[in-house]
Amino acid sequence: MIEHFSSPEGLPPTSGFSHATAGTGRIVAISGQLPLDADGNLVDESDVLIQARQVFRNLRIALKAAGAKPADILKFGFFLTDLDDLDAVRAARDEFVGDGAHPASTLVKVAGLVIPGARLEVDALAITRY
């Protein structure tokens, strides 16, 4: 079970994330996922939405391997090279998590990522039932 605390009293309003989440069960940590296809090739460098969708596709595969699903995510970590990409990344995130409550989230602007041309990296922490 996961509880979402979107807007606790005294904290500012949120935009697609919860200020806090809590849950019980098996913890699943997903390493930062880059916009790489199954062969390790960077997807469309010119389109951040395509890159973001690939990142979330990779997250879904990693979650499934550990017996988890998007609804089990407690927290995302977002690393973007350009904050102007945030709207597209949020759109891909919303496609991924659906209409339910949003996980806690951290956003960091970075000078670059390990793969040249990658515009984002996303990691996740999830919790599943035993």
C-alpha atoms as a PDB file:
ATOM      1  CA  MET A   1       0.000   0.000   0.000  1.00  0.00           C
ATOM      2  CA  ILE A   2       1.264   3.474  -0.880  1.00  0.00           C
ATOM      3  CA  GLU A   3       0.028   6.697   0.677  1.00  0.00           C
ATOM      4  CA  HIS A   4       0.455  10.016  -1.146  1.00  0.00           C
ATOM      5  CA  PHE A   5       0.705  13.324   0.685  1.00  0.00           C
ATOM      6  CA  SER A   6       0.324  15.760  -2.193  1.00  0.00           C
ATOM      7  CA  SER A   7      -0.068  19.056  -0.380  1.00  0.00           C
ATOM      8  CA  PRO A   8       0.529  18.919   3.372  1.00  0.00           C
ATOM      9  CA  GLU A   9      -0.461  22.089   5.192  1.00  0.00           C
ATOM     10  CA  GLY A  10       2.359  24.625   5.138  1.00  0.00           C
ATOM     11  CA  LEU A  11       3.909  23.419   1.855  1.00  0.00           C
ATOM     12  CA  PRO A  12       3.405  25.010  -1.578  1.00  0.00           C
ATOM     13  CA  PRO A  13       1.062  23.504  -4.195  1.00  0.00           C
ATOM     14  CA  THR A  14       2.501  20.785  -6.419  1.00  0.00           C
ATOM     15  CA  SER A  15       2.504  20.226 -10.149  1.00  0.00           C
ATOM     16  CA  GLY A  16       2.392  16.523 -10.880  1.00  0.00           C
ATOM     17  CA  PHE A  17       4.137  15.210  -7.766  1.00  0.00           C
ATOM     18  CA  SER A  18       3.463  14.502  -4.100  1.00  0.00           C
ATOM     19  CA  HIS A  19       5.497  16.201  -1.392  1.00  0.00           C
ATOM     20  CA  ALA A  20       5.738  12.847   0.402  1.00  0.00           C
ATOM     21  CA  THR A  21       4.857   9.213  -0.122  1.00  0.00           C
ATOM     22  CA  ALA A  22       4.937   6.255   2.256  1.00  0.00           C
ATOM     23  CA  GLY A  23       4.433   2.544   1.805  1.00  0.00           C
ATOM     24  CA  THR A  24       5.088  -0.932   3.122  1.00  0.00           C
ATOM     25  CA  GLY A  25       6.487  -3.909   1.245  1.00  0.00           C
ATOM     26  CA  ARG A  26       9.503  -4.900  -0.833  1.00  0.00           C
ATOM     27  CA  ILE A  27      11.674  -1.943  -1.921  1.00  0.00           C
ATOM     28  CA  VAL A  28      12.692  -1.817  -5.591  1.00  0.00           C
ATOM     29  CA  ALA A  29      15.384   0.659  -6.665  1.00  0.00           C
ATOM     30  CA  ILE A  30      15.591   1.392 -10.398  1.00  0.00           C
ATOM     31  CA  SER A  31      18.854   2.839 -11.671  1.00  0.00           C
ATOM     32  CA  GLY A  32      18.818   5.969 -13.784  1.00  0.00           C
ATOM     33  CA  GLN A  33      17.397   5.172 -17.193  1.00  0.00           C
ATOM     34  CA  LEU A  34      18.621   6.971 -20.294  1.00  0.00           C
ATOM     35  CA  PRO A  35      16.880   7.310 -23.676  1.00  0.00           C
ATOM     36  CA  LEU A  36      18.578   4.219 -25.091  1.00  0.00           C
ATOM     37  CA  ASP A  37      16.887   1.468 -27.076  1.00  0.00           C
ATOM     38  CA  ALA A  38      17.397  -2.258 -26.423  1.00  0.00           C
ATOM     39  CA  ASP A  39      20.570  -2.197 -28.551  1.00  0.00           C
ATOM     40  CA  GLY A  40      22.047   0.673 -26.521  1.00  0.00           C
ATOM     41  CA  ASN A  41      21.474   3.296 -29.201  1.00  0.00           C
ATOM     42  CA  LEU A  42      20.410   6.821 -28.281  1.00  0.00           C
ATOM     43  CA  VAL A  43      16.928   7.581 -29.618  1.00  0.00           C
ATOM     44  CA  ASP A  44      16.093  10.803 -31.481  1.00  0.00           C
ATOM     45  CA  GLU A  45      18.461  13.448 -30.098  1.00  0.00           C
ATOM     46  CA  SER A  46      16.317  16.236 -31.540  1.00  0.00           C
ATOM     47  CA  ASP A  47      13.032  15.272 -29.820  1.00  0.00           C
ATOM     48  CA  VAL A  48      12.871  15.252 -26.031  1.00  0.00           C
ATOM     49  CA  LEU A  49       9.361  13.729 -25.999  1.00  0.00           C
ATOM     50  CA  ILE A  50      10.630  10.699 -27.923  1.00  0.00           C
ATOM     51  CA  GLN A  51      13.586  10.476 -25.526  1.00  0.00           C
ATOM     52  CA  ALA A  52      11.309  10.771 -22.488  1.00  0.00           C
ATOM     53  CA  ARG A  53       8.957   8.083 -23.747  1.00  0.00           C
ATOM     54  CA  GLN A  54      11.963   5.780 -24.254  1.00  0.00           C
ATOM     55  CA  VAL A  55      13.159   6.470 -20.704  1.00  0.00           C
ATOM     56  CA  PHE A  56       9.733   5.570 -19.311  1.00  0.00           C
ATOM     57  CA  ARG A  57       9.594   2.482 -21.544  1.00  0.00           C
ATOM     58  CA  ASN A  58      12.922   1.423 -20.019  1.00  0.00           C
ATOM     59  CA  LEU A  59      11.628   2.142 -16.506  1.00  0.00           C
ATOM     60  CA  ARG A  60       8.578  -0.029 -17.173  1.00  0.00           C
ATOM     61  CA  ILE A  61      10.813  -2.933 -18.299  1.00  0.00           C
ATOM     62  CA  ALA A  62      13.065  -2.589 -15.241  1.00  0.00           C
ATOM     63  CA  LEU A  63      10.068  -2.402 -12.898  1.00  0.00           C
ATOM     64  CA  LYS A  64       8.502  -5.496 -14.471  1.00  0.00           C
ATOM     65  CA  ALA A  65      11.761  -7.429 -14.071  1.00  0.00           C
ATOM     66  CA  ALA A  66      11.557  -6.727 -10.327  1.00  0.00           C
ATOM     67  CA  GLY A  67       7.857  -7.580 -10.091  1.00  0.00           C
ATOM     68  CA  ALA A  68       6.717  -3.952  -9.882  1.00  0.00           C
ATOM     69  CA  LYS A  69       4.568  -1.621 -11.962  1.00  0.00           C
ATOM     70  CA  PRO A  70       4.287   2.169 -12.379  1.00  0.00           C
ATOM     71  CA  ALA A  71       1.640   2.433  -9.630  1.00  0.00           C
ATOM     72  CA  ASP A  72       4.242   1.045  -7.180  1.00  0.00           C
ATOM     73  CA  ILE A  73       6.620   4.006  -7.596  1.00  0.00           C
ATOM     74  CA  LEU A  74       7.221   6.051  -4.450  1.00  0.00           C
ATOM     75  CA  LYS A  75       9.726   8.530  -5.887  1.00  0.00           C
ATOM     76  CA  PHE A  76      11.252   9.687  -9.155  1.00  0.00           C
ATOM     77  CA  GLY A  77      14.578  11.427  -9.648  1.00  0.00           C
ATOM     78  CA  PHE A  78      14.672  13.556 -12.820  1.00  0.00           C
ATOM     79  CA  PHE A  79      17.923  14.836 -14.325  1.00  0.00           C
ATOM     80  CA  LEU A  80      17.470  17.237 -17.262  1.00  0.00           C
ATOM     81  CA  THR A  81      20.079  19.064 -19.309  1.00  0.00           C
ATOM     82  CA  ASP A  82      17.574  21.776 -20.276  1.00  0.00           C
ATOM     83  CA  LEU A  83      14.665  22.890 -18.088  1.00  0.00           C
ATOM     84  CA  ASP A  84      12.795  23.974 -21.227  1.00  0.00           C
ATOM     85  CA  ASP A  85      12.289  20.218 -21.788  1.00  0.00           C
ATOM     86  CA  LEU A  86      10.248  19.879 -18.595  1.00  0.00           C
ATOM     87  CA  ASP A  87       6.785  20.136 -20.204  1.00  0.00           C
ATOM     88  CA  ALA A  88       7.551  17.280 -22.616  1.00  0.00           C
ATOM     89  CA  VAL A  89       9.041  15.170 -19.830  1.00  0.00           C
ATOM     90  CA  ARG A  90       5.964  15.784 -17.667  1.00  0.00           C
ATOM     91  CA  ALA A  91       3.723  14.736 -20.560  1.00  0.00           C
ATOM     92  CA  ALA A  92       5.615  11.451 -20.916  1.00  0.00           C
ATOM     93  CA  ARG A  93       5.573  10.967 -17.134  1.00  0.00           C
ATOM     94  CA  ASP A  94       1.807  11.495 -17.048  1.00  0.00           C
ATOM     95  CA  GLU A  95       1.333   8.921 -19.821  1.00  0.00           C
ATOM     96  CA  PHE A  96       3.426   6.519 -17.728  1.00  0.00           C
ATOM     97  CA  VAL A  97       1.794   6.991 -14.310  1.00  0.00           C
ATOM     98  CA  GLY A  98      -1.756   7.493 -15.579  1.00  0.00           C
ATOM     99  CA  ASP A  99      -4.515   9.236 -13.653  1.00  0.00           C
ATOM    100  CA  GLY A 100      -3.535   8.065 -10.182  1.00  0.00           C
ATOM    101  CA  ALA A 101      -1.669   9.964  -7.493  1.00  0.00           C
ATOM    102  CA  HIS A 102       1.822  11.064  -8.467  1.00  0.00           C
ATOM    103  CA  PRO A 103       4.977   9.890  -6.686  1.00  0.00           C
ATOM    104  CA  ALA A 104       7.307  12.173  -4.773  1.00  0.00           C
ATOM    105  CA  SER A 105       9.827  13.712  -7.149  1.00  0.00           C
ATOM    106  CA  THR A 106      13.162  15.480  -7.404  1.00  0.00           C
ATOM    107  CA  LEU A 107      14.233  17.533 -10.428  1.00  0.00           C
ATOM    108  CA  VAL A 108      17.876  18.443 -11.019  1.00  0.00           C
ATOM    109  CA  LYS A 109      19.282  20.462 -13.904  1.00  0.00           C
ATOM    110  CA  VAL A 110      22.610  18.973 -14.978  1.00  0.00           C
ATOM    111  CA  ALA A 111      25.348  20.213 -17.305  1.00  0.00           C
ATOM    112  CA  GLY A 112      25.401  16.887 -19.135  1.00  0.00           C
ATOM    113  CA  LEU A 113      24.769  13.170 -18.895  1.00  0.00           C
ATOM    114  CA  VAL A 114      27.037  10.175 -19.450  1.00  0.00           C
ATOM    115  CA  ILE A 115      25.666   9.666 -23.008  1.00  0.00           C
ATOM    116  CA  PRO A 116      26.263  12.724 -25.224  1.00  0.00           C
ATOM    117  CA  GLY A 117      22.960  13.869 -26.731  1.00  0.00           C
ATOM    118  CA  ALA A 118      20.852  12.384 -23.923  1.00  0.00           C
ATOM    119  CA  ARG A 119      18.577  15.104 -22.604  1.00  0.00           C
ATOM    120  CA  LEU A 120      17.259  13.329 -19.522  1.00  0.00           C
ATOM    121  CA  GLU A 121      17.796  10.510 -17.093  1.00  0.00           C
ATOM    122  CA  VAL A 122      15.193   9.219 -14.632  1.00  0.00           C
ATOM    123  CA  ASP A 123      15.576   6.883 -11.669  1.00  0.00           C
ATOM    124  CA  ALA A 124      12.841   5.516  -9.426  1.00  0.00           C
ATOM    125  CA  LEU A 125      12.156   3.967  -6.067  1.00  0.00           C
ATOM    126  CA  ALA A 126       9.185   1.609  -5.871  1.00  0.00           C
ATOM    127  CA  ILE A 127       7.598  -0.597  -3.256  1.00  0.00           C
ATOM    128  CA  THR A 128       5.668  -3.817  -3.863  1.00  0.00           C
ATOM    129  CA  ARG A 129       3.826  -6.314  -1.725  1.00  0.00           C
ATOM    130  CA  TYR A 130       5.853  -9.366  -0.730  1.00  0.00           C
END
